[in-house]
Amino acid sequence: MHTSTFCKKPILYSVLLLITSTDASIKPRDTRIVHNPSVINPNADTIWHAGSSVTITWDTSTVPLGNKSKGKVVLGYLEKGKSDEHLDIEHPLAENFYIEDGFVQITAPDVSPRNDYIVVLFGDSGNKSPAFTIT
């Protein structure tokens, strides 16, 4: 059976119309670069005194330039033999600061003295400090 060129043209025109009517431009995807800044201070040698002004610092070398991620810092503590970090999510030490700044200044909280406190920096990921002391 012989098919005419006339029968093939509507299909060809349909395909061409479909190709030209779609948005064929290549658009970059909204990619999220996850950065994982390490907490520098407090560290294992740090002692905070309740009510004093202290600075929490982190490494910004992995933070992309111009990144405007906002962060939150919460206090927690560790117990030997347990994986729970006892994070006080309801009472952040600081929030709504820019991760790219590399630091935030806070007032050390008035909490029970311990030597196993940690701070966790939340941005697009969470990073905890080494255990430190609050008196």
Foldseek 3Di string as FASTA:
>chain_A
DDDDPVVVVVVVVVVVVVVVPDDPDDDDDPDDDDFDWAWDPPALADEAEAFAKDKTFTDLPRPDPPDFWKKWKWKFFDDPPDPDRRTPPVDTQDTRHGVNVGMDMGGHHDDPWDQGMWMWMDTPHIYIHGTGTYD
